[in-house]
Amino acid sequence: MTGFFMGFGKGKGGSRINRVREESGAQIEVEPHRDNGSDRIITISGTREQIQAAQYLLQQCVRTSEAGRRYLSEH
């Protein structure tokens, strides 16, 4: 995930990631910031159903952040 989307996707204090963990039951690890860039790797583990649920919920967070980015750039 890019740095911009990671801020929206992760939420304040990791609140969105924690909600995705709780709702999906999946384990989600977010790689720490690297010195050479803003992209971060997210690792999801669990049952197939848990992983699919977490992927879906994270995609919704990204879509929300994309809409927010468009809104901010237009105003």
PDB file of N, CA and C in Angstrom:
ATOM      1  N   MET A   1       0.840  -1.163   0.000  1.00  0.00           N
ATOM      2  CA  MET A   1       0.000   0.000   0.000  1.00  0.00           C
ATOM      3  C   MET A   1       0.890   1.233   0.000  1.00  0.00           C
ATOM      4  N   THR A   2       0.519   2.208  -0.766  1.00  0.00           N
ATOM      5  CA  THR A   2       1.313   3.435  -0.785  1.00  0.00           C
ATOM      6  C   THR A   2       1.107   4.206   0.513  1.00  0.00           C
ATOM      7  N   GLY A   3       2.032   5.101   0.799  1.00  0.00           N
ATOM      8  CA  GLY A   3       1.969   5.873   2.033  1.00  0.00           C
ATOM      9  C   GLY A   3       0.681   6.654   2.184  1.00  0.00           C
ATOM     10  N   PHE A   4       0.215   7.285   1.102  1.00  0.00           N
ATOM     11  CA  PHE A   4      -1.014   8.079   1.177  1.00  0.00           C
ATOM     12  C   PHE A   4      -2.190   7.204   1.590  1.00  0.00           C
ATOM     13  N   PHE A   5      -2.362   6.081   0.894  1.00  0.00           N
ATOM     14  CA  PHE A   5      -3.495   5.210   1.193  1.00  0.00           C
ATOM     15  C   PHE A   5      -3.327   4.518   2.535  1.00  0.00           C
ATOM     16  N   MET A   6      -2.087   4.258   2.920  1.00  0.00           N
ATOM     17  CA  MET A   6      -1.850   3.600   4.194  1.00  0.00           C
ATOM     18  C   MET A   6      -2.369   4.457   5.338  1.00  0.00           C
ATOM     19  N   GLY A   7      -2.201   5.776   5.234  1.00  0.00           N
ATOM     20  CA  GLY A   7      -2.712   6.663   6.276  1.00  0.00           C
ATOM     21  C   GLY A   7      -4.211   6.556   6.428  1.00  0.00           C
ATOM     22  N   PHE A   8      -4.920   6.514   5.314  1.00  0.00           N
ATOM     23  CA  PHE A   8      -6.376   6.376   5.365  1.00  0.00           C
ATOM     24  C   PHE A   8      -6.765   4.955   5.751  1.00  0.00           C
ATOM     25  N   GLY A   9      -6.095   3.979   5.159  1.00  0.00           N
ATOM     26  CA  GLY A   9      -6.458   2.581   5.387  1.00  0.00           C
ATOM     27  C   GLY A   9      -6.191   2.117   6.796  1.00  0.00           C
ATOM     28  N   LYS A  10      -5.131   2.623   7.378  1.00  0.00           N
ATOM     29  CA  LYS A  10      -4.771   2.197   8.720  1.00  0.00           C
ATOM     30  C   LYS A  10      -5.627   2.889   9.769  1.00  0.00           C
ATOM     31  N   GLY A  11      -5.973   4.139   9.513  1.00  0.00           N
ATOM     32  CA  GLY A  11      -6.795   4.886  10.461  1.00  0.00           C
ATOM     33  C   GLY A  11      -5.977   5.417  11.621  1.00  0.00           C
ATOM     34  N   LYS A  12      -6.583   6.282  12.389  1.00  0.00           N
ATOM     35  CA  LYS A  12      -5.901   6.890  13.529  1.00  0.00           C
ATOM     36  C   LYS A  12      -5.565   5.816  14.557  1.00  0.00           C
ATOM     37  N   GLY A  13      -4.281   5.711  14.876  1.00  0.00           N
ATOM     38  CA  GLY A  13      -3.841   4.719  15.853  1.00  0.00           C
ATOM     39  C   GLY A  13      -4.073   3.287  15.413  1.00  0.00           C
ATOM     40  N   GLY A  14      -4.204   3.063  14.107  1.00  0.00           N
ATOM     41  CA  GLY A  14      -4.439   1.711  13.603  1.00  0.00           C
ATOM     42  C   GLY A  14      -5.875   1.249  13.755  1.00  0.00           C
ATOM     43  N   SER A  15      -6.800   2.186  13.973  1.00  0.00           N
ATOM     44  CA  SER A  15      -8.192   1.815  14.263  1.00  0.00           C
ATOM     45  C   SER A  15      -8.853   1.031  13.130  1.00  0.00           C
ATOM     46  N   ARG A  16      -8.608   1.418  11.882  1.00  0.00           N
ATOM     47  CA  ARG A  16      -9.254   0.692  10.775  1.00  0.00           C
ATOM     48  C   ARG A  16      -8.668  -0.709  10.627  1.00  0.00           C
ATOM     49  N   ILE A  17      -7.356  -0.824  10.721  1.00  0.00           N
ATOM     50  CA  ILE A  17      -6.730  -2.149  10.636  1.00  0.00           C
ATOM     51  C   ILE A  17      -7.245  -3.024  11.774  1.00  0.00           C
ATOM     52  N   ASN A  18      -7.334  -2.478  12.971  1.00  0.00           N
ATOM     53  CA  ASN A  18      -7.847  -3.253  14.105  1.00  0.00           C
ATOM     54  C   ASN A  18      -9.285  -3.689  13.877  1.00  0.00           C
ATOM     55  N   ARG A  19     -10.101  -2.812  13.291  1.00  0.00           N
ATOM     56  CA  ARG A  19     -11.492  -3.175  12.999  1.00  0.00           C
ATOM     57  C   ARG A  19     -11.544  -4.302  11.969  1.00  0.00           C
ATOM     58  N   VAL A  20     -10.681  -4.229  10.947  1.00  0.00           N
ATOM     59  CA  VAL A  20     -10.635  -5.291   9.939  1.00  0.00           C
ATOM     60  C   VAL A  20     -10.214  -6.601  10.600  1.00  0.00           C
ATOM     61  N   ARG A  21      -9.242  -6.547  11.494  1.00  0.00           N
ATOM     62  CA  ARG A  21      -8.823  -7.754  12.224  1.00  0.00           C
ATOM     63  C   ARG A  21     -10.000  -8.353  12.984  1.00  0.00           C
ATOM     64  N   GLU A  22     -10.720  -7.505  13.712  1.00  0.00           N
ATOM     65  CA  GLU A  22     -11.846  -7.977  14.521  1.00  0.00           C
ATOM     66  C   GLU A  22     -12.969  -8.536  13.662  1.00  0.00           C
ATOM     67  N   GLU A  23     -13.321  -7.827  12.590  1.00  0.00           N
ATOM     68  CA  GLU A  23     -14.451  -8.251  11.756  1.00  0.00           C
ATOM     69  C   GLU A  23     -14.135  -9.493  10.940  1.00  0.00           C
ATOM     70  N   SER A  24     -12.887  -9.627  10.484  1.00  0.00           N
ATOM     71  CA  SER A  24     -12.533 -10.751   9.617  1.00  0.00           C
ATOM     72  C   SER A  24     -12.010 -11.954  10.393  1.00  0.00           C
ATOM     73  N   GLY A  25     -11.430 -11.704  11.554  1.00  0.00           N
ATOM     74  CA  GLY A  25     -10.789 -12.777  12.307  1.00  0.00           C
ATOM     75  C   GLY A  25      -9.397 -13.105  11.797  1.00  0.00           C
ATOM     76  N   ALA A  26      -8.943 -12.398  10.775  1.00  0.00           N
ATOM     77  CA  ALA A  26      -7.622 -12.648  10.187  1.00  0.00           C
ATOM     78  C   ALA A  26      -6.538 -11.945  10.992  1.00  0.00           C
ATOM     79  N   GLN A  27      -5.323 -12.479  10.879  1.00  0.00           N
ATOM     80  CA  GLN A  27      -4.164 -11.786  11.437  1.00  0.00           C
ATOM     81  C   GLN A  27      -3.609 -10.891  10.337  1.00  0.00           C
ATOM     82  N   ILE A  28      -3.367  -9.631  10.667  1.00  0.00           N
ATOM     83  CA  ILE A  28      -2.874  -8.662   9.688  1.00  0.00           C
ATOM     84  C   ILE A  28      -1.624  -8.011  10.255  1.00  0.00           C
ATOM     85  N   GLU A  29      -0.545  -8.117   9.499  1.00  0.00           N
ATOM     86  CA  GLU A  29       0.717  -7.489   9.881  1.00  0.00           C
ATOM     87  C   GLU A  29       1.036  -6.408   8.864  1.00  0.00           C
ATOM     88  N   VAL A  30       1.400  -5.235   9.358  1.00  0.00           N
ATOM     89  CA  VAL A  30       1.770  -4.117   8.494  1.00  0.00           C
ATOM     90  C   VAL A  30       3.263  -3.886   8.658  1.00  0.00           C
ATOM     91  N   GLU A  31       3.977  -3.978   7.543  1.00  0.00           N
ATOM     92  CA  GLU A  31       5.427  -3.782   7.568  1.00  0.00           C
ATOM     93  C   GLU A  31       5.755  -2.362   8.022  1.00  0.00           C
ATOM     94  N   PRO A  32       6.790  -2.202   8.845  1.00  0.00           N
ATOM     95  CA  PRO A  32       7.197  -0.845   9.250  1.00  0.00           C
ATOM     96  C   PRO A  32       7.655  -0.020   8.053  1.00  0.00           C
ATOM     97  N   HIS A  33       7.692   1.293   8.248  1.00  0.00           N
ATOM     98  CA  HIS A  33       8.196   2.189   7.194  1.00  0.00           C
ATOM     99  C   HIS A  33       9.613   1.800   6.829  1.00  0.00           C
ATOM    100  N   ARG A  34       9.916   1.903   5.553  1.00  0.00           N
ATOM    101  CA  ARG A  34      11.285   1.699   5.079  1.00  0.00           C
ATOM    102  C   ARG A  34      11.929   3.054   4.848  1.00  0.00           C
ATOM    103  N   ASP A  35      13.231   3.077   4.903  1.00  0.00           N
ATOM    104  CA  ASP A  35      13.965   4.321   4.661  1.00  0.00           C
ATOM    105  C   ASP A  35      13.885   4.769   3.212  1.00  0.00           C
ATOM    106  N   ASN A  36      13.736   3.815   2.294  1.00  0.00           N
ATOM    107  CA  ASN A  36      13.845   4.141   0.866  1.00  0.00           C
ATOM    108  C   ASN A  36      12.514   4.378   0.162  1.00  0.00           C
ATOM    109  N   GLY A  37      11.424   4.482   0.867  1.00  0.00           N
ATOM    110  CA  GLY A  37      10.148   4.720   0.188  1.00  0.00           C
ATOM    111  C   GLY A  37       8.988   4.716   1.153  1.00  0.00           C
ATOM    112  N   SER A  38       7.821   5.004   0.611  1.00  0.00           N
ATOM    113  CA  SER A  38       6.640   5.104   1.460  1.00  0.00           C
ATOM    114  C   SER A  38       5.727   3.890   1.347  1.00  0.00           C
ATOM    115  N   ASP A  39       5.993   2.982   0.391  1.00  0.00           N
ATOM    116  CA  ASP A  39       5.146   1.802   0.250  1.00  0.00           C
ATOM    117  C   ASP A  39       5.389   0.842   1.411  1.00  0.00           C
ATOM    118  N   ARG A  40       4.324   0.153   1.824  1.00  0.00           N
ATOM    119  CA  ARG A  40       4.423  -0.819   2.910  1.00  0.00           C
ATOM    120  C   ARG A  40       3.697  -2.089   2.505  1.00  0.00           C
ATOM    121  N   ILE A  41       4.180  -3.199   2.998  1.00  0.00           N
ATOM    122  CA  ILE A  41       3.578  -4.493   2.692  1.00  0.00           C
ATOM    123  C   ILE A  41       2.658  -4.889   3.841  1.00  0.00           C
ATOM    124  N   ILE A  42       1.467  -5.378   3.466  1.00  0.00           N
ATOM    125  CA  ILE A  42       0.513  -5.897   4.438  1.00  0.00           C
ATOM    126  C   ILE A  42       0.427  -7.404   4.225  1.00  0.00           C
ATOM    127  N   THR A  43       0.603  -8.172   5.297  1.00  0.00           N
ATOM    128  CA  THR A  43       0.507  -9.625   5.233  1.00  0.00           C
ATOM    129  C   THR A  43      -0.748 -10.051   5.984  1.00  0.00           C
ATOM    130  N   ILE A  44      -1.585 -10.838   5.305  1.00  0.00           N
ATOM    131  CA  ILE A  44      -2.838 -11.322   5.892  1.00  0.00           C
ATOM    132  C   ILE A  44      -2.738 -12.833   6.020  1.00  0.00           C
ATOM    133  N   SER A  45      -3.056 -13.366   7.195  1.00  0.00           N
ATOM    134  CA  SER A  45      -3.062 -14.816   7.364  1.00  0.00           C
ATOM    135  C   SER A  45      -4.305 -15.233   8.146  1.00  0.00           C
ATOM    136  N   GLY A  46      -4.695 -16.475   7.927  1.00  0.00           N
ATOM    137  CA  GLY A  46      -5.885 -17.024   8.560  1.00  0.00           C
ATOM    138  C   GLY A  46      -6.496 -18.068   7.643  1.00  0.00           C
ATOM    139  N   THR A  47      -7.754 -18.399   7.883  1.00  0.00           N
ATOM    140  CA  THR A  47      -8.448 -19.322   6.986  1.00  0.00           C
ATOM    141  C   THR A  47      -8.732 -18.606   5.667  1.00  0.00           C
ATOM    142  N   ARG A  48      -9.103 -19.364   4.681  1.00  0.00           N
ATOM    143  CA  ARG A  48      -9.438 -18.763   3.383  1.00  0.00           C
ATOM    144  C   ARG A  48     -10.530 -17.708   3.544  1.00  0.00           C
ATOM    145  N   GLU A  49     -11.546 -18.024   4.327  1.00  0.00           N
ATOM    146  CA  GLU A  49     -12.655 -17.091   4.529  1.00  0.00           C
ATOM    147  C   GLU A  49     -12.195 -15.828   5.249  1.00  0.00           C
ATOM    148  N   GLN A  50     -11.348 -15.988   6.259  1.00  0.00           N
ATOM    149  CA  GLN A  50     -10.838 -14.830   6.991  1.00  0.00           C
ATOM    150  C   GLN A  50      -9.999 -13.929   6.089  1.00  0.00           C
ATOM    151  N   ILE A  51      -9.148 -14.540   5.280  1.00  0.00           N
ATOM    152  CA  ILE A  51      -8.296 -13.773   4.363  1.00  0.00           C
ATOM    153  C   ILE A  51      -9.144 -13.028   3.347  1.00  0.00           C
ATOM    154  N   GLN A  52     -10.138 -13.709   2.781  1.00  0.00           N
ATOM    155  CA  GLN A  52     -11.008 -13.054   1.798  1.00  0.00           C
ATOM    156  C   GLN A  52     -11.775 -11.896   2.422  1.00  0.00           C
ATOM    157  N   ALA A  53     -12.258 -12.091   3.639  1.00  0.00           N
ATOM    158  CA  ALA A  53     -12.990 -11.018   4.323  1.00  0.00           C
ATOM    159  C   ALA A  53     -12.066  -9.830   4.585  1.00  0.00           C
ATOM    160  N   ALA A  54     -10.847 -10.093   5.040  1.00  0.00           N
ATOM    161  CA  ALA A  54      -9.895  -9.012   5.312  1.00  0.00           C
ATOM    162  C   ALA A  54      -9.528  -8.280   4.031  1.00  0.00           C
ATOM    163  N   GLN A  55      -9.302  -9.022   2.944  1.00  0.00           N
ATOM    164  CA  GLN A  55      -8.983  -8.385   1.662  1.00  0.00           C
ATOM    165  C   GLN A  55     -10.120  -7.468   1.226  1.00  0.00           C
ATOM    166  N   TYR A  56     -11.340  -7.948   1.330  1.00  0.00           N
ATOM    167  CA  TYR A  56     -12.499  -7.149   0.939  1.00  0.00           C
ATOM    168  C   TYR A  56     -12.576  -5.874   1.781  1.00  0.00           C
ATOM    169  N   LEU A  57     -12.450  -6.010   3.088  1.00  0.00           N
ATOM    170  CA  LEU A  57     -12.558  -4.851   3.975  1.00  0.00           C
ATOM    171  C   LEU A  57     -11.430  -3.852   3.726  1.00  0.00           C
ATOM    172  N   LEU A  58     -10.220  -4.344   3.478  1.00  0.00           N
ATOM    173  CA  LEU A  58      -9.102  -3.444   3.176  1.00  0.00           C
ATOM    174  C   LEU A  58      -9.318  -2.733   1.845  1.00  0.00           C
ATOM    175  N   GLN A  59      -9.876  -3.450   0.862  1.00  0.00           N
ATOM    176  CA  GLN A  59     -10.180  -2.811  -0.424  1.00  0.00           C
ATOM    177  C   GLN A  59     -11.202  -1.696  -0.234  1.00  0.00           C
ATOM    178  N   GLN A  60     -12.165  -1.903   0.651  1.00  0.00           N
ATOM    179  CA  GLN A  60     -13.145  -0.855   0.933  1.00  0.00           C
ATOM    180  C   GLN A  60     -12.465   0.366   1.551  1.00  0.00           C
ATOM    181  N   CYS A  61     -11.493   0.137   2.419  1.00  0.00           N
ATOM    182  CA  CYS A  61     -10.735   1.256   3.002  1.00  0.00           C
ATOM    183  C   CYS A  61      -9.994   2.026   1.920  1.00  0.00           C
ATOM    184  N   VAL A  62      -9.403   1.301   0.969  1.00  0.00           N
ATOM    185  CA  VAL A  62      -8.675   1.959  -0.122  1.00  0.00           C
ATOM    186  C   VAL A  62      -9.639   2.750  -0.990  1.00  0.00           C
ATOM    187  N   ARG A  63     -10.787   2.170  -1.308  1.00  0.00           N
ATOM    188  CA  ARG A  63     -11.776   2.896  -2.120  1.00  0.00           C
ATOM    189  C   ARG A  63     -12.217   4.172  -1.421  1.00  0.00           C
ATOM    190  N   THR A  64     -12.427   4.091  -0.120  1.00  0.00           N
ATOM    191  CA  THR A  64     -12.803   5.266   0.660  1.00  0.00           C
ATOM    192  C   THR A  64     -11.706   6.313   0.599  1.00  0.00           C
ATOM    193  N   SER A  65     -10.452   5.872   0.705  1.00  0.00           N
ATOM    194  CA  SER A  65      -9.344   6.832   0.670  1.00  0.00           C
ATOM    195  C   SER A  65      -9.187   7.441  -0.711  1.00  0.00           C
ATOM    196  N   GLU A  66      -9.449   6.666  -1.771  1.00  0.00           N
ATOM    197  CA  GLU A  66      -9.388   7.213  -3.131  1.00  0.00           C
ATOM    198  C   GLU A  66     -10.450   8.288  -3.315  1.00  0.00           C
ATOM    199  N   ALA A  67     -11.648   8.040  -2.799  1.00  0.00           N
ATOM    200  CA  ALA A  67     -12.718   9.034  -2.906  1.00  0.00           C
ATOM    201  C   ALA A  67     -12.339  10.285  -2.117  1.00  0.00           C
ATOM    202  N   GLY A  68     -11.753  10.101  -0.941  1.00  0.00           N
ATOM    203  CA  GLY A  68     -11.312  11.239  -0.142  1.00  0.00           C
ATOM    204  C   GLY A  68     -10.221  12.026  -0.831  1.00  0.00           C
ATOM    205  N   ARG A  69      -9.314  11.323  -1.480  1.00  0.00           N
ATOM    206  CA  ARG A  69      -8.228  11.996  -2.206  1.00  0.00           C
ATOM    207  C   ARG A  69      -8.789  12.826  -3.355  1.00  0.00           C
ATOM    208  N   ARG A  70      -9.744  12.259  -4.107  1.00  0.00           N
ATOM    209  CA  ARG A  70     -10.361  13.011  -5.208  1.00  0.00           C
ATOM    210  C   ARG A  70     -11.077  14.240  -4.669  1.00  0.00           C
ATOM    211  N   TYR A  71     -11.799  14.072  -3.571  1.00  0.00           N
ATOM    212  CA  TYR A  71     -12.521  15.194  -2.971  1.00  0.00           C
ATOM    213  C   TYR A  71     -11.543  16.293  -2.560  1.00  0.00           C
ATOM    214  N   LEU A  72     -10.469  15.918  -1.900  1.00  0.00           N
ATOM    215  CA  LEU A  72      -9.491  16.907  -1.442  1.00  0.00           C
ATOM    216  C   LEU A  72      -8.829  17.629  -2.607  1.00  0.00           C
ATOM    217  N   SER A  73      -8.580  16.916  -3.698  1.00  0.00           N
ATOM    218  CA  SER A  73      -7.922  17.554  -4.843  1.00  0.00           C
ATOM    219  C   SER A  73      -8.872  18.487  -5.592  1.00  0.00           C
ATOM    220  N   GLU A  74     -10.179  18.273  -5.455  1.00  0.00           N
ATOM    221  CA  GLU A  74     -11.160  19.108  -6.145  1.00  0.00           C
ATOM    222  C   GLU A  74     -11.544  20.338  -5.332  1.00  0.00           C
ATOM    223  N   HIS A  75     -11.264  20.346  -4.037  1.00  0.00           N
ATOM    224  CA  HIS A  75     -11.695  21.455  -3.170  1.00  0.00           C
ATOM    225  C   HIS A  75     -10.527  22.158  -2.540  1.00  0.00           C
TER     226      HIS A  75
END
